[in-house]
Amino acid sequence: MSHDSDHPRHVPVLLRRADEILGPALESGGVLIDATLGLGGHAEHFLRTYSEIRLIGLDRDTEALRLAGERLSPYADRITLVHTRYDGLPQALRQAGLPERDSVRAVLMDLGVSSMQLDEAERGFAYSVDAPLDMRMDPTGPLTAADVLNTYPHGDLARILKTYGEERFAGRIAAEIVRRRARRPFTTSAELVELLYDAIPAATRRTGGHPAKRTFQALRIEVNGELESLRAAVPAALEALQVGGRIVVMSYQSLEDKVVKQIFGAACASRTPLDLPVELPGMGPRFAMLTRGAEKADEDEVTHNPRAAPVRMRAAERIPAA
């Protein structure tokens, strides 16, 4: 999500499909919120394609914002970039001089770790290379993965691994973390990967993918407060949409997708009590789904962009009150 010369492997995920969904809401202009700006791949496309729109781009990563600003500089008069998590959307709207409700035409949320964060080994997101145990999406944030590993009690570690990583051996891994850190605090990802190879049974390692995948996911979610932020951000995004406005959310793991599914489901449901035979005025659905379940990248996109393989896209439109 940077300049092609800096990050040649970055390809915006599901870009054509996102345009098919959001485009009808943007044809006559209005505000697009890219709540996960990254290095601006999606944003650049929409600014180039829809010459009347204004973009508000949010990201917690200061370096991503700097690089996105460079990439989007040809559209500088139409963009506002804000350093915040996506649950800071209401504050970002106020900063841009807009009300928190009924003020935008489209919202895009491309969740998960950005290409830049994965590609920069020193950020500590990838278990395939040895790096400091950082995992902060916002480099100014107070909590690192090393802090979690070295200070959380056994019960909290096990809960995080089980809840956020869906790790079967959470208790065993947590006990081993506590045992080893008593001798020497964890500082690098290689130390953690070695522990995971030792703690997870060989039969599971042979069939369950890389043994570090679930633990690294859990730590990243904890360090960055991702699910709590998402639970606040999606309702705020829905409130910001005007009638006819649309939202696209792309998730990369089941926990994120479950949160989005639940919030969208509630927004698209009638609020009339089930035992009443008619819809009460003003109690009808406020949104309509634009996707059937969660859409996935097709085989061709995954071939050209392997990072699209786990994506799940859901989309909805604000409809007139019934």
C-alpha atoms as a PDB file:
ATOM      1  CA  MET A   1       0.000   0.000   0.000  1.00  0.00           C
ATOM      2  CA  SER A   2       2.933   2.256  -0.720  1.00  0.00           C
ATOM      3  CA  HIS A   3       4.511   3.550  -3.883  1.00  0.00           C
ATOM      4  CA  ASP A   4       5.107   0.641  -6.212  1.00  0.00           C
ATOM      5  CA  SER A   5       8.856   1.189  -5.998  1.00  0.00           C
ATOM      6  CA  ASP A   6       8.718   0.824  -2.218  1.00  0.00           C
ATOM      7  CA  HIS A   7       6.228  -2.049  -1.944  1.00  0.00           C
ATOM      8  CA  PRO A   8       5.917  -3.669  -5.376  1.00  0.00           C
ATOM      9  CA  ARG A   9       4.011  -6.642  -3.999  1.00  0.00           C
ATOM     10  CA  HIS A  10       1.109  -4.611  -2.693  1.00  0.00           C
ATOM     11  CA  VAL A  11      -2.124  -5.021  -4.617  1.00  0.00           C
ATOM     12  CA  PRO A  12      -5.320  -3.601  -3.078  1.00  0.00           C
ATOM     13  CA  VAL A  13      -7.586  -6.500  -2.125  1.00  0.00           C
ATOM     14  CA  LEU A  14     -10.954  -6.924  -3.902  1.00  0.00           C
ATOM     15  CA  LEU A  15     -10.559  -3.487  -5.485  1.00  0.00           C
ATOM     16  CA  ARG A  16     -12.858  -4.127  -8.458  1.00  0.00           C
ATOM     17  CA  ARG A  17     -15.605  -5.561  -6.254  1.00  0.00           C
ATOM     18  CA  ALA A  18     -15.288  -2.715  -3.748  1.00  0.00           C
ATOM     19  CA  ASP A  19     -15.711  -0.258  -6.628  1.00  0.00           C
ATOM     20  CA  GLU A  20     -18.780  -2.112  -7.924  1.00  0.00           C
ATOM     21  CA  ILE A  21     -20.404  -1.783  -4.513  1.00  0.00           C
ATOM     22  CA  LEU A  22     -19.311   1.697  -3.432  1.00  0.00           C
ATOM     23  CA  GLY A  23     -19.266   3.335  -6.863  1.00  0.00           C
ATOM     24  CA  PRO A  24     -23.032   3.929  -7.160  1.00  0.00           C
ATOM     25  CA  ALA A  25     -22.941   5.891  -3.910  1.00  0.00           C
ATOM     26  CA  LEU A  26     -20.031   8.047  -5.089  1.00  0.00           C
ATOM     27  CA  GLU A  27     -20.976   8.885  -8.670  1.00  0.00           C
ATOM     28  CA  SER A  28     -22.378  12.291  -7.699  1.00  0.00           C
ATOM     29  CA  GLY A  29     -19.601  13.098  -5.233  1.00  0.00           C
ATOM     30  CA  GLY A  30     -19.712  13.241  -1.460  1.00  0.00           C
ATOM     31  CA  VAL A  31     -17.434  11.968   1.273  1.00  0.00           C
ATOM     32  CA  LEU A  32     -15.660   8.612   1.292  1.00  0.00           C
ATOM     33  CA  ILE A  33     -14.138   7.441   4.554  1.00  0.00           C
ATOM     34  CA  ASP A  34     -11.265   5.020   4.183  1.00  0.00           C
ATOM     35  CA  ALA A  35     -11.109   3.937   7.801  1.00  0.00           C
ATOM     36  CA  THR A  36      -8.023   1.774   7.255  1.00  0.00           C
ATOM     37  CA  LEU A  37      -6.024   3.899   4.844  1.00  0.00           C
ATOM     38  CA  GLY A  38      -2.790   1.918   4.943  1.00  0.00           C
ATOM     39  CA  LEU A  39      -0.617   3.143   2.115  1.00  0.00           C
ATOM     40  CA  GLY A  40      -3.538   4.398   0.069  1.00  0.00           C
ATOM     41  CA  GLY A  41      -4.051   1.746  -2.605  1.00  0.00           C
ATOM     42  CA  HIS A  42      -7.842   1.701  -2.441  1.00  0.00           C
ATOM     43  CA  ALA A  43      -8.034   5.441  -1.755  1.00  0.00           C
ATOM     44  CA  GLU A  44      -5.966   6.317  -4.812  1.00  0.00           C
ATOM     45  CA  HIS A  45      -8.303   4.341  -7.055  1.00  0.00           C
ATOM     46  CA  PHE A  46     -11.440   6.019  -5.742  1.00  0.00           C
ATOM     47  CA  LEU A  47      -9.960   9.512  -5.892  1.00  0.00           C
ATOM     48  CA  ARG A  48      -8.835   8.925  -9.471  1.00  0.00           C
ATOM     49  CA  THR A  49     -12.126   7.353 -10.559  1.00  0.00           C
ATOM     50  CA  TYR A  50     -14.570   9.734  -8.839  1.00  0.00           C
ATOM     51  CA  SER A  51     -13.356  13.279  -9.367  1.00  0.00           C
ATOM     52  CA  GLU A  52     -16.024  14.904  -7.183  1.00  0.00           C
ATOM     53  CA  ILE A  53     -15.462  12.939  -3.978  1.00  0.00           C
ATOM     54  CA  ARG A  54     -13.684  14.038  -0.840  1.00  0.00           C
ATOM     55  CA  LEU A  55     -11.655  11.460   1.100  1.00  0.00           C
ATOM     56  CA  ILE A  56     -11.151  11.221   4.851  1.00  0.00           C
ATOM     57  CA  GLY A  57      -8.410   8.683   5.487  1.00  0.00           C
ATOM     58  CA  LEU A  58      -7.802   7.163   8.925  1.00  0.00           C
ATOM     59  CA  ASP A  59      -4.839   5.129  10.110  1.00  0.00           C
ATOM     60  CA  ARG A  60      -3.160   4.462  13.436  1.00  0.00           C
ATOM     61  CA  ASP A  61       0.248   4.007  11.768  1.00  0.00           C
ATOM     62  CA  THR A  62       2.080   7.326  11.442  1.00  0.00           C
ATOM     63  CA  GLU A  63       4.502   6.012   8.806  1.00  0.00           C
ATOM     64  CA  ALA A  64       1.619   4.676   6.708  1.00  0.00           C
ATOM     65  CA  LEU A  65      -0.049   8.087   6.879  1.00  0.00           C
ATOM     66  CA  ARG A  66       3.135   9.788   5.731  1.00  0.00           C
ATOM     67  CA  LEU A  67       3.563   7.452   2.773  1.00  0.00           C
ATOM     68  CA  ALA A  68      -0.126   7.603   1.891  1.00  0.00           C
ATOM     69  CA  GLY A  69       0.078  11.381   1.943  1.00  0.00           C
ATOM     70  CA  GLU A  70       2.893  11.230  -0.603  1.00  0.00           C
ATOM     71  CA  ARG A  71       1.014   8.800  -2.788  1.00  0.00           C
ATOM     72  CA  LEU A  72      -2.192  10.839  -2.680  1.00  0.00           C
ATOM     73  CA  SER A  73      -0.508  14.225  -3.070  1.00  0.00           C
ATOM     74  CA  PRO A  74      -2.043  14.806  -6.536  1.00  0.00           C
ATOM     75  CA  TYR A  75      -5.394  14.919  -4.733  1.00  0.00           C
ATOM     76  CA  ALA A  76      -4.224  16.992  -1.762  1.00  0.00           C
ATOM     77  CA  ASP A  77      -7.099  19.452  -2.077  1.00  0.00           C
ATOM     78  CA  ARG A  78      -9.631  16.618  -1.672  1.00  0.00           C
ATOM     79  CA  ILE A  79      -8.177  14.628   1.218  1.00  0.00           C
ATOM     80  CA  THR A  80      -8.022  14.836   4.994  1.00  0.00           C
ATOM     81  CA  LEU A  81      -5.721  12.336   6.720  1.00  0.00           C
ATOM     82  CA  VAL A  82      -6.193  11.618  10.422  1.00  0.00           C
ATOM     83  CA  HIS A  83      -3.957   9.705  12.815  1.00  0.00           C
ATOM     84  CA  THR A  84      -6.436   7.527  14.686  1.00  0.00           C
ATOM     85  CA  ARG A  85      -7.775   4.011  15.025  1.00  0.00           C
ATOM     86  CA  TYR A  86     -10.923   3.318  13.062  1.00  0.00           C
ATOM     87  CA  ASP A  87     -13.017   3.699  16.196  1.00  0.00           C
ATOM     88  CA  GLY A  88     -11.889   7.331  16.140  1.00  0.00           C
ATOM     89  CA  LEU A  89     -14.168   7.861  13.141  1.00  0.00           C
ATOM     90  CA  PRO A  90     -16.572  10.288  14.886  1.00  0.00           C
ATOM     91  CA  GLN A  91     -13.665  12.478  16.003  1.00  0.00           C
ATOM     92  CA  ALA A  92     -12.163  12.345  12.506  1.00  0.00           C
ATOM     93  CA  LEU A  93     -15.442  13.587  11.049  1.00  0.00           C
ATOM     94  CA  ARG A  94     -15.503  16.478  13.478  1.00  0.00           C
ATOM     95  CA  GLN A  95     -11.888  17.287  12.629  1.00  0.00           C
ATOM     96  CA  ALA A  96     -12.936  17.431   8.966  1.00  0.00           C
ATOM     97  CA  GLY A  97     -15.805  19.789   9.834  1.00  0.00           C
ATOM     98  CA  LEU A  98     -18.570  17.222   9.356  1.00  0.00           C
ATOM     99  CA  PRO A  99     -21.298  15.951  11.678  1.00  0.00           C
ATOM    100  CA  GLU A 100     -21.027  12.426  13.069  1.00  0.00           C
ATOM    101  CA  ARG A 101     -24.366  11.365  11.566  1.00  0.00           C
ATOM    102  CA  ASP A 102     -25.733  11.352   8.001  1.00  0.00           C
ATOM    103  CA  SER A 103     -22.674  13.032   6.488  1.00  0.00           C
ATOM    104  CA  VAL A 104     -20.867  10.523   4.245  1.00  0.00           C
ATOM    105  CA  ARG A 105     -21.642   8.560   1.094  1.00  0.00           C
ATOM    106  CA  ALA A 106     -19.344   5.567   1.552  1.00  0.00           C
ATOM    107  CA  VAL A 107     -17.124   3.835   4.088  1.00  0.00           C
ATOM    108  CA  LEU A 108     -14.378   1.318   3.349  1.00  0.00           C
ATOM    109  CA  MET A 109     -12.749  -0.777   6.060  1.00  0.00           C
ATOM    110  CA  ASP A 110      -9.945  -3.132   4.989  1.00  0.00           C
ATOM    111  CA  LEU A 111      -9.084  -4.766   8.305  1.00  0.00           C
ATOM    112  CA  GLY A 112      -6.017  -6.665   9.481  1.00  0.00           C
ATOM    113  CA  VAL A 113      -2.320  -6.000   9.069  1.00  0.00           C
ATOM    114  CA  SER A 114      -1.220  -3.819   6.168  1.00  0.00           C
ATOM    115  CA  SER A 115       1.252  -4.977   3.553  1.00  0.00           C
ATOM    116  CA  MET A 116       3.805  -2.517   4.866  1.00  0.00           C
ATOM    117  CA  GLN A 117       3.525  -3.833   8.410  1.00  0.00           C
ATOM    118  CA  LEU A 118       3.959  -7.418   7.241  1.00  0.00           C
ATOM    119  CA  ASP A 119       6.865  -6.566   4.959  1.00  0.00           C
ATOM    120  CA  GLU A 120       8.836  -4.600   7.555  1.00  0.00           C
ATOM    121  CA  ALA A 121      10.428  -7.357   9.620  1.00  0.00           C
ATOM    122  CA  GLU A 122      11.307  -5.071  12.508  1.00  0.00           C
ATOM    123  CA  ARG A 123       7.607  -4.555  13.249  1.00  0.00           C
ATOM    124  CA  GLY A 124       7.427  -8.144  14.536  1.00  0.00           C
ATOM    125  CA  PHE A 125       4.174  -9.187  12.842  1.00  0.00           C
ATOM    126  CA  ALA A 126       5.640 -12.072  10.846  1.00  0.00           C
ATOM    127  CA  TYR A 127       6.618 -15.325  12.536  1.00  0.00           C
ATOM    128  CA  SER A 128       8.778 -16.353   9.575  1.00  0.00           C
ATOM    129  CA  VAL A 129      11.620 -13.949  10.462  1.00  0.00           C
ATOM    130  CA  ASP A 130      13.308 -13.127  13.755  1.00  0.00           C
ATOM    131  CA  ALA A 131      12.420  -9.639  14.948  1.00  0.00           C
ATOM    132  CA  PRO A 132      11.647  -7.691  18.128  1.00  0.00           C
ATOM    133  CA  LEU A 133       8.325  -8.678  19.685  1.00  0.00           C
ATOM    134  CA  ASP A 134       6.547  -5.430  18.903  1.00  0.00           C
ATOM    135  CA  MET A 135       3.346  -5.908  16.804  1.00  0.00           C
ATOM    136  CA  ARG A 136       2.071  -2.355  17.349  1.00  0.00           C
ATOM    137  CA  MET A 137       0.111  -0.992  14.390  1.00  0.00           C
ATOM    138  CA  ASP A 138       0.597   2.424  15.968  1.00  0.00           C
ATOM    139  CA  PRO A 139       4.320   2.682  16.758  1.00  0.00           C
ATOM    140  CA  THR A 140       3.488   5.254  19.442  1.00  0.00           C
ATOM    141  CA  GLY A 141       1.212   2.849  21.324  1.00  0.00           C
ATOM    142  CA  PRO A 142       2.173   1.886  24.889  1.00  0.00           C
ATOM    143  CA  LEU A 143       1.808  -1.915  24.731  1.00  0.00           C
ATOM    144  CA  THR A 144       4.019  -4.357  22.800  1.00  0.00           C
ATOM    145  CA  ALA A 145       3.817  -8.112  22.329  1.00  0.00           C
ATOM    146  CA  ALA A 146       6.863  -8.455  24.591  1.00  0.00           C
ATOM    147  CA  ASP A 147       4.995  -6.602  27.333  1.00  0.00           C
ATOM    148  CA  VAL A 148       2.108  -9.050  27.064  1.00  0.00           C
ATOM    149  CA  LEU A 149       4.343 -12.114  27.130  1.00  0.00           C
ATOM    150  CA  ASN A 150       6.502 -10.886  29.996  1.00  0.00           C
ATOM    151  CA  THR A 151       3.892  -9.367  32.314  1.00  0.00           C
ATOM    152  CA  TYR A 152       0.470 -10.990  31.842  1.00  0.00           C
ATOM    153  CA  PRO A 153      -0.432 -13.722  34.367  1.00  0.00           C
ATOM    154  CA  HIS A 154      -1.002 -17.268  33.180  1.00  0.00           C
ATOM    155  CA  GLY A 155      -4.798 -16.949  33.167  1.00  0.00           C
ATOM    156  CA  ASP A 156      -4.821 -13.836  31.004  1.00  0.00           C
ATOM    157  CA  LEU A 157      -2.316 -15.325  28.572  1.00  0.00           C
ATOM    158  CA  ALA A 158      -4.382 -18.489  28.219  1.00  0.00           C
ATOM    159  CA  ARG A 159      -7.580 -16.473  27.729  1.00  0.00           C
ATOM    160  CA  ILE A 160      -6.024 -14.313  25.014  1.00  0.00           C
ATOM    161  CA  LEU A 161      -4.600 -17.293  23.142  1.00  0.00           C
ATOM    162  CA  LYS A 162      -7.856 -19.212  23.330  1.00  0.00           C
ATOM    163  CA  THR A 163     -10.208 -16.304  22.574  1.00  0.00           C
ATOM    164  CA  TYR A 164      -8.219 -14.336  20.015  1.00  0.00           C
ATOM    165  CA  GLY A 165      -6.141 -17.139  18.526  1.00  0.00           C
ATOM    166  CA  GLU A 166      -8.633 -20.007  18.872  1.00  0.00           C
ATOM    167  CA  GLU A 167      -5.626 -21.985  20.100  1.00  0.00           C
ATOM    168  CA  ARG A 168      -6.417 -25.512  21.374  1.00  0.00           C
ATOM    169  CA  PHE A 169      -3.274 -25.618  23.503  1.00  0.00           C
ATOM    170  CA  ALA A 170      -3.650 -22.158  25.060  1.00  0.00           C
ATOM    171  CA  GLY A 171      -3.161 -23.343  28.651  1.00  0.00           C
ATOM    172  CA  ARG A 172      -0.084 -25.372  27.808  1.00  0.00           C
ATOM    173  CA  ILE A 173       1.486 -22.523  25.840  1.00  0.00           C
ATOM    174  CA  ALA A 174       0.724 -19.990  28.580  1.00  0.00           C
ATOM    175  CA  ALA A 175       2.327 -22.221  31.212  1.00  0.00           C
ATOM    176  CA  GLU A 176       5.456 -22.577  29.102  1.00  0.00           C
ATOM    177  CA  ILE A 177       5.628 -18.811  28.553  1.00  0.00           C
ATOM    178  CA  VAL A 178       5.485 -18.195  32.306  1.00  0.00           C
ATOM    179  CA  ARG A 179       8.107 -20.862  32.961  1.00  0.00           C
ATOM    180  CA  ARG A 180      10.607 -19.555  30.393  1.00  0.00           C
ATOM    181  CA  ARG A 181      10.187 -15.862  31.125  1.00  0.00           C
ATOM    182  CA  ALA A 182      11.161 -16.538  34.759  1.00  0.00           C
ATOM    183  CA  ARG A 183      14.621 -17.365  33.425  1.00  0.00           C
ATOM    184  CA  ARG A 184      14.826 -14.690  30.736  1.00  0.00           C
ATOM    185  CA  PRO A 185      12.260 -12.201  29.393  1.00  0.00           C
ATOM    186  CA  PHE A 186      11.086 -12.641  25.807  1.00  0.00           C
ATOM    187  CA  THR A 187      12.516 -10.133  23.366  1.00  0.00           C
ATOM    188  CA  THR A 188      12.383 -11.656  19.859  1.00  0.00           C
ATOM    189  CA  SER A 189       9.911 -13.585  17.756  1.00  0.00           C
ATOM    190  CA  ALA A 190      12.327 -16.487  17.257  1.00  0.00           C
ATOM    191  CA  GLU A 191      12.254 -17.191  21.002  1.00  0.00           C
ATOM    192  CA  LEU A 192       8.476 -17.414  20.925  1.00  0.00           C
ATOM    193  CA  VAL A 193       8.406 -19.558  17.781  1.00  0.00           C
ATOM    194  CA  GLU A 194      10.857 -21.989  19.379  1.00  0.00           C
ATOM    195  CA  LEU A 195       8.605 -22.251  22.438  1.00  0.00           C
ATOM    196  CA  LEU A 196       5.564 -22.934  20.267  1.00  0.00           C
ATOM    197  CA  TYR A 197       7.309 -25.731  18.405  1.00  0.00           C
ATOM    198  CA  ASP A 198       8.129 -27.295  21.765  1.00  0.00           C
ATOM    199  CA  ALA A 199       4.698 -26.765  23.367  1.00  0.00           C
ATOM    200  CA  ILE A 200       2.424 -27.868  20.509  1.00  0.00           C
ATOM    201  CA  PRO A 201       2.279 -31.648  19.894  1.00  0.00           C
ATOM    202  CA  ALA A 202       4.052 -32.869  16.783  1.00  0.00           C
ATOM    203  CA  ALA A 203       0.893 -34.406  15.304  1.00  0.00           C
ATOM    204  CA  THR A 204      -0.847 -31.026  15.418  1.00  0.00           C
ATOM    205  CA  ARG A 205       2.179 -29.254  13.951  1.00  0.00           C
ATOM    206  CA  ARG A 206       2.070 -31.586  10.954  1.00  0.00           C
ATOM    207  CA  THR A 207      -1.576 -30.889  10.098  1.00  0.00           C
ATOM    208  CA  GLY A 208      -2.566 -27.567  11.618  1.00  0.00           C
ATOM    209  CA  GLY A 209      -0.493 -25.070   9.647  1.00  0.00           C
ATOM    210  CA  HIS A 210       2.381 -23.097  11.146  1.00  0.00           C
ATOM    211  CA  PRO A 211       2.294 -23.557  14.944  1.00  0.00           C
ATOM    212  CA  ALA A 212       2.905 -19.831  15.519  1.00  0.00           C
ATOM    213  CA  LYS A 213       0.033 -18.538  13.396  1.00  0.00           C
ATOM    214  CA  ARG A 214      -2.678 -18.575  16.066  1.00  0.00           C
ATOM    215  CA  THR A 215      -0.491 -17.237  18.877  1.00  0.00           C
ATOM    216  CA  PHE A 216       0.839 -14.369  16.758  1.00  0.00           C
ATOM    217  CA  GLN A 217      -2.709 -13.480  15.724  1.00  0.00           C
ATOM    218  CA  ALA A 218      -3.835 -13.465  19.353  1.00  0.00           C
ATOM    219  CA  LEU A 219      -0.961 -11.247  20.469  1.00  0.00           C
ATOM    220  CA  ARG A 220      -1.519  -8.808  17.623  1.00  0.00           C
ATOM    221  CA  ILE A 221      -5.227  -8.479  18.448  1.00  0.00           C
ATOM    222  CA  GLU A 222      -4.452  -7.915  22.136  1.00  0.00           C
ATOM    223  CA  VAL A 223      -1.682  -5.384  21.543  1.00  0.00           C
ATOM    224  CA  ASN A 224      -3.804  -3.324  19.167  1.00  0.00           C
ATOM    225  CA  GLY A 225      -7.211  -3.739  20.807  1.00  0.00           C
ATOM    226  CA  GLU A 226      -8.535  -4.733  17.397  1.00  0.00           C
ATOM    227  CA  LEU A 227     -11.854  -6.344  18.278  1.00  0.00           C
ATOM    228  CA  GLU A 228     -12.842  -3.677  20.807  1.00  0.00           C
ATOM    229  CA  SER A 229     -12.023  -1.028  18.234  1.00  0.00           C
ATOM    230  CA  LEU A 230     -14.002  -2.836  15.556  1.00  0.00           C
ATOM    231  CA  ARG A 231     -17.079  -3.200  17.782  1.00  0.00           C
ATOM    232  CA  ALA A 232     -17.127   0.576  18.205  1.00  0.00           C
ATOM    233  CA  ALA A 233     -16.057   1.510  14.675  1.00  0.00           C
ATOM    234  CA  VAL A 234     -18.661  -0.337  12.603  1.00  0.00           C
ATOM    235  CA  PRO A 235     -21.710   1.163  14.392  1.00  0.00           C
ATOM    236  CA  ALA A 236     -20.103   4.618  14.143  1.00  0.00           C
ATOM    237  CA  ALA A 237     -19.569   4.094  10.417  1.00  0.00           C
ATOM    238  CA  LEU A 238     -23.200   3.060   9.944  1.00  0.00           C
ATOM    239  CA  GLU A 239     -24.380   6.173  11.797  1.00  0.00           C
ATOM    240  CA  ALA A 240     -22.224   8.373   9.555  1.00  0.00           C
ATOM    241  CA  LEU A 241     -23.839   7.143   6.334  1.00  0.00           C
ATOM    242  CA  GLN A 242     -26.517   9.137   4.535  1.00  0.00           C
ATOM    243  CA  VAL A 243     -29.534   7.400   3.029  1.00  0.00           C
ATOM    244  CA  GLY A 244     -28.191   5.649  -0.057  1.00  0.00           C
ATOM    245  CA  GLY A 245     -24.731   5.539   1.473  1.00  0.00           C
ATOM    246  CA  ARG A 246     -22.817   2.259   1.416  1.00  0.00           C
ATOM    247  CA  ILE A 247     -20.243   0.463   3.538  1.00  0.00           C
ATOM    248  CA  VAL A 248     -17.779  -2.299   2.668  1.00  0.00           C
ATOM    249  CA  VAL A 249     -15.868  -4.194   5.357  1.00  0.00           C
ATOM    250  CA  MET A 250     -13.141  -6.704   4.501  1.00  0.00           C
ATOM    251  CA  SER A 251     -12.113  -9.100   7.286  1.00  0.00           C
ATOM    252  CA  TYR A 252      -9.184 -11.511   7.347  1.00  0.00           C
ATOM    253  CA  GLN A 253     -10.018 -13.794  10.244  1.00  0.00           C
ATOM    254  CA  SER A 254     -13.160 -15.320  11.638  1.00  0.00           C
ATOM    255  CA  LEU A 255     -13.324 -13.220  14.809  1.00  0.00           C
ATOM    256  CA  GLU A 256     -13.435  -9.968  12.824  1.00  0.00           C
ATOM    257  CA  ASP A 257     -15.984 -11.335  10.386  1.00  0.00           C
ATOM    258  CA  LYS A 258     -18.210 -12.525  13.231  1.00  0.00           C
ATOM    259  CA  VAL A 259     -18.296  -9.006  14.727  1.00  0.00           C
ATOM    260  CA  VAL A 260     -19.163  -7.445  11.359  1.00  0.00           C
ATOM    261  CA  LYS A 261     -21.823 -10.093  10.639  1.00  0.00           C
ATOM    262  CA  GLN A 262     -23.540  -9.480  13.983  1.00  0.00           C
ATOM    263  CA  ILE A 263     -23.570  -5.678  13.659  1.00  0.00           C
ATOM    264  CA  PHE A 264     -24.757  -5.741  10.043  1.00  0.00           C
ATOM    265  CA  GLY A 265     -27.399  -8.325  10.912  1.00  0.00           C
ATOM    266  CA  ALA A 266     -28.832  -6.130  13.647  1.00  0.00           C
ATOM    267  CA  ALA A 267     -28.799  -3.053  11.400  1.00  0.00           C
ATOM    268  CA  CYS A 268     -30.647  -4.911   8.632  1.00  0.00           C
ATOM    269  CA  ALA A 269     -33.308  -6.378  10.941  1.00  0.00           C
ATOM    270  CA  SER A 270     -36.704  -4.974  11.808  1.00  0.00           C
ATOM    271  CA  ARG A 271     -37.019  -3.511  15.288  1.00  0.00           C
ATOM    272  CA  THR A 272     -40.749  -4.226  15.468  1.00  0.00           C
ATOM    273  CA  PRO A 273     -41.547  -6.841  18.154  1.00  0.00           C
ATOM    274  CA  LEU A 274     -41.889 -10.279  16.586  1.00  0.00           C
ATOM    275  CA  ASP A 275     -45.420 -10.827  17.936  1.00  0.00           C
ATOM    276  CA  LEU A 276     -46.859  -7.820  16.077  1.00  0.00           C
ATOM    277  CA  PRO A 277     -48.459  -8.506  12.662  1.00  0.00           C
ATOM    278  CA  VAL A 278     -47.436  -5.193  11.056  1.00  0.00           C
ATOM    279  CA  GLU A 279     -44.286  -3.112  10.898  1.00  0.00           C
ATOM    280  CA  LEU A 280     -44.376  -0.218  13.354  1.00  0.00           C
ATOM    281  CA  PRO A 281     -43.624   3.200  11.829  1.00  0.00           C
ATOM    282  CA  GLY A 282     -39.953   4.031  12.115  1.00  0.00           C
ATOM    283  CA  MET A 283     -39.079   0.531  13.327  1.00  0.00           C
ATOM    284  CA  GLY A 284     -38.201  -1.058  10.001  1.00  0.00           C
ATOM    285  CA  PRO A 285     -34.672  -2.023   8.953  1.00  0.00           C
ATOM    286  CA  ARG A 286     -32.277   0.884   8.529  1.00  0.00           C
ATOM    287  CA  PHE A 287     -29.897  -1.011   6.236  1.00  0.00           C
ATOM    288  CA  ALA A 288     -30.036  -3.634   3.501  1.00  0.00           C
ATOM    289  CA  MET A 289     -27.328  -6.169   2.779  1.00  0.00           C
ATOM    290  CA  LEU A 290     -25.515  -5.846  -0.551  1.00  0.00           C
ATOM    291  CA  THR A 291     -23.665  -9.155  -0.316  1.00  0.00           C
ATOM    292  CA  ARG A 292     -25.039 -12.628   0.206  1.00  0.00           C
ATOM    293  CA  GLY A 293     -23.123 -13.718   3.262  1.00  0.00           C
ATOM    294  CA  ALA A 294     -19.401 -13.022   3.106  1.00  0.00           C
ATOM    295  CA  GLU A 295     -17.890 -12.785  -0.369  1.00  0.00           C
ATOM    296  CA  LYS A 296     -14.413 -14.181  -1.055  1.00  0.00           C
ATOM    297  CA  ALA A 297     -11.731 -13.332  -3.568  1.00  0.00           C
ATOM    298  CA  ASP A 298     -11.941 -15.445  -6.706  1.00  0.00           C
ATOM    299  CA  GLU A 299      -9.247 -17.874  -7.792  1.00  0.00           C
ATOM    300  CA  ASP A 300      -7.701 -15.440 -10.248  1.00  0.00           C
ATOM    301  CA  GLU A 301      -7.255 -12.713  -7.628  1.00  0.00           C
ATOM    302  CA  VAL A 302      -5.781 -15.112  -5.099  1.00  0.00           C
ATOM    303  CA  THR A 303      -3.319 -16.322  -7.744  1.00  0.00           C
ATOM    304  CA  HIS A 304      -2.139 -12.781  -8.442  1.00  0.00           C
ATOM    305  CA  ASN A 305      -2.442 -11.589  -4.830  1.00  0.00           C
ATOM    306  CA  PRO A 306      -2.064 -14.426  -2.285  1.00  0.00           C
ATOM    307  CA  ARG A 307      -2.856 -12.080   0.605  1.00  0.00           C
ATOM    308  CA  ALA A 308      -6.434 -11.956  -0.673  1.00  0.00           C
ATOM    309  CA  ALA A 309      -6.986 -15.644   0.135  1.00  0.00           C
ATOM    310  CA  PRO A 310      -8.481 -15.213   3.643  1.00  0.00           C
ATOM    311  CA  VAL A 311     -10.540 -12.072   2.931  1.00  0.00           C
ATOM    312  CA  ARG A 312     -14.274 -12.012   3.683  1.00  0.00           C
ATOM    313  CA  MET A 313     -16.218  -9.016   2.362  1.00  0.00           C
ATOM    314  CA  ARG A 314     -19.590  -7.824   3.664  1.00  0.00           C
ATOM    315  CA  ALA A 315     -21.427  -4.745   2.437  1.00  0.00           C
ATOM    316  CA  ALA A 316     -24.617  -2.862   3.301  1.00  0.00           C
ATOM    317  CA  GLU A 317     -26.600   0.205   2.185  1.00  0.00           C
ATOM    318  CA  ARG A 318     -28.494   2.757   4.264  1.00  0.00           C
ATOM    319  CA  ILE A 319     -32.146   2.700   3.200  1.00  0.00           C
ATOM    320  CA  PRO A 320     -34.992   5.147   3.877  1.00  0.00           C
ATOM    321  CA  ALA A 321     -36.724   4.682   7.179  1.00  0.00           C
ATOM    322  CA  ALA A 322     -39.827   2.505   6.969  1.00  0.00           C
END
